N, C-alpha and C. Protein backbone atom coordinates (compact mmCIF):
# COMPACT_ATOMS: atom_id res chain seq x y z
N MET A 1 81.58 287.94 132.39
CA MET A 1 80.90 288.09 131.03
C MET A 1 81.94 288.35 129.99
N THR A 2 81.69 287.98 128.81
CA THR A 2 82.63 288.26 127.64
C THR A 2 82.22 289.61 127.12
N ARG A 3 83.07 290.19 126.18
CA ARG A 3 82.87 291.42 125.64
C ARG A 3 81.64 291.51 124.73
N VAL A 4 81.32 290.35 124.07
CA VAL A 4 80.22 290.35 123.18
C VAL A 4 78.87 290.35 123.98
N ARG A 5 78.95 289.57 124.96
CA ARG A 5 77.69 289.52 125.86
C ARG A 5 77.42 290.93 126.43
N THR A 6 78.61 291.65 126.96
CA THR A 6 78.40 292.87 127.58
C THR A 6 77.90 293.93 126.40
N ALA A 7 78.49 293.78 125.27
CA ALA A 7 77.95 294.57 124.32
C ALA A 7 76.54 294.48 123.91
N GLY A 8 76.07 293.15 123.91
CA GLY A 8 74.76 292.86 123.62
C GLY A 8 73.74 293.43 124.64
N ILE A 9 74.14 293.28 125.92
CA ILE A 9 73.30 293.84 127.07
C ILE A 9 73.14 295.47 126.83
N ALA A 10 74.37 296.10 126.52
CA ALA A 10 74.35 297.46 126.25
C ALA A 10 73.47 297.87 125.09
N VAL A 11 73.58 297.26 123.95
CA VAL A 11 72.80 297.61 122.79
C VAL A 11 71.33 297.30 123.12
N THR A 12 71.04 296.17 123.69
CA THR A 12 69.61 295.94 124.01
C THR A 12 69.00 297.00 124.95
N ALA A 13 69.73 297.41 125.92
CA ALA A 13 69.31 298.40 126.86
C ALA A 13 69.24 299.79 126.04
N LEU A 14 70.02 300.08 125.34
CA LEU A 14 69.92 301.32 124.53
C LEU A 14 68.68 301.31 123.54
N GLY A 15 68.37 300.18 122.93
CA GLY A 15 67.30 299.92 122.00
C GLY A 15 65.98 300.06 122.77
N VAL A 16 65.95 299.47 123.97
CA VAL A 16 64.64 299.63 124.89
C VAL A 16 64.44 300.98 125.15
N VAL A 17 65.48 301.72 125.60
CA VAL A 17 65.27 303.15 125.94
C VAL A 17 64.93 303.86 124.66
N GLY A 18 65.46 303.65 123.59
CA GLY A 18 65.14 304.44 122.32
C GLY A 18 63.68 304.06 121.90
N TYR A 19 63.27 302.89 122.14
CA TYR A 19 61.90 302.47 121.84
C TYR A 19 60.94 303.22 122.77
N GLY A 20 61.26 303.36 124.00
CA GLY A 20 60.40 303.98 125.03
C GLY A 20 60.28 305.51 124.70
N LEU A 21 61.40 306.11 124.40
CA LEU A 21 61.29 307.55 123.85
C LEU A 21 60.58 307.71 122.70
N GLY A 22 60.71 306.79 121.74
CA GLY A 22 59.99 306.77 120.48
C GLY A 22 58.45 306.75 120.62
N THR A 23 58.07 306.19 121.75
CA THR A 23 56.55 306.35 122.07
C THR A 23 56.02 307.67 122.47
N LEU A 24 57.02 308.43 123.02
CA LEU A 24 56.61 309.60 123.63
C LEU A 24 56.92 310.88 122.66
N VAL A 25 57.98 310.77 122.02
CA VAL A 25 58.51 311.90 121.16
C VAL A 25 58.94 311.28 119.67
N THR A 26 58.41 312.00 118.78
CA THR A 26 58.84 311.65 117.37
C THR A 26 60.23 312.18 117.05
N TYR A 27 60.98 311.35 116.68
CA TYR A 27 62.34 311.70 116.24
C TYR A 27 62.82 310.94 114.95
N PRO A 28 63.68 311.41 114.20
CA PRO A 28 64.14 310.67 113.01
C PRO A 28 65.04 309.43 113.49
N GLY A 29 64.67 308.40 112.70
CA GLY A 29 65.57 307.17 113.06
C GLY A 29 64.96 306.30 114.21
N ARG A 30 63.81 306.54 114.73
CA ARG A 30 63.30 305.83 115.85
C ARG A 30 63.11 304.44 115.55
N ALA A 31 62.99 304.10 114.33
CA ALA A 31 62.69 302.67 113.97
C ALA A 31 63.98 301.89 114.15
N PHE A 32 65.10 302.43 114.13
CA PHE A 32 66.38 301.78 114.44
C PHE A 32 66.39 301.27 115.86
N SER A 33 65.45 301.64 116.78
CA SER A 33 65.65 301.20 118.01
C SER A 33 65.22 299.68 118.09
N VAL A 34 64.15 299.27 117.34
CA VAL A 34 63.82 298.00 117.13
C VAL A 34 64.91 297.12 116.67
N THR A 35 65.62 297.60 115.67
CA THR A 35 66.83 296.91 115.10
C THR A 35 67.85 296.78 116.17
N ALA A 36 68.12 297.80 117.06
CA ALA A 36 69.11 297.71 117.98
C ALA A 36 68.66 296.61 119.09
N VAL A 37 67.33 296.38 119.40
CA VAL A 37 67.00 295.48 120.35
C VAL A 37 67.32 293.93 119.69
N MET A 38 67.02 293.86 118.43
CA MET A 38 67.24 292.55 117.72
C MET A 38 68.60 292.08 117.84
N VAL A 39 69.46 293.22 117.41
CA VAL A 39 70.98 292.95 117.27
C VAL A 39 71.48 292.67 118.73
N GLY A 40 71.07 293.49 119.66
CA GLY A 40 71.48 293.37 121.02
C GLY A 40 71.10 291.89 121.57
N ILE A 41 69.92 291.39 121.42
CA ILE A 41 69.52 290.09 121.94
C ILE A 41 70.35 289.06 121.12
N THR A 42 70.75 289.21 120.00
CA THR A 42 71.57 288.29 119.18
C THR A 42 72.95 288.20 119.82
N LEU A 43 73.40 289.36 120.02
CA LEU A 43 74.88 289.40 120.62
C LEU A 43 74.92 288.86 122.00
N TRP A 44 73.90 289.18 122.78
CA TRP A 44 73.78 288.65 124.07
C TRP A 44 73.69 287.07 124.10
N ALA A 45 72.96 286.54 123.18
CA ALA A 45 72.77 285.05 123.11
C ALA A 45 74.05 284.32 122.70
N ILE A 46 74.77 284.95 121.78
CA ILE A 46 75.90 284.31 121.18
C ILE A 46 77.18 284.65 122.01
N GLY A 47 76.98 285.53 122.93
CA GLY A 47 78.17 286.04 123.76
C GLY A 47 78.85 285.01 124.59
N GLY A 48 78.29 283.92 124.79
CA GLY A 48 79.03 282.95 125.48
C GLY A 48 78.82 283.03 127.08
N ASP A 49 79.17 282.03 127.80
CA ASP A 49 78.98 282.16 129.31
C ASP A 49 80.43 281.74 129.90
N VAL A 50 80.99 282.56 130.70
CA VAL A 50 82.24 282.28 131.41
C VAL A 50 81.99 281.47 132.67
N ARG A 51 82.62 280.29 132.73
CA ARG A 51 82.47 279.51 133.89
C ARG A 51 83.64 279.30 134.71
């Protein structure tokens, strides 16, 4: 995996966890978890594939 793809996977995972926590607990900035998921999926997609 390339660094961009790895970063995308990590950001997506953090965004999903943040979204899940946001459904249970109200905290400032929880809307950024949706943004993190979108950015993470984008990085994941453009990260390339190592063959």
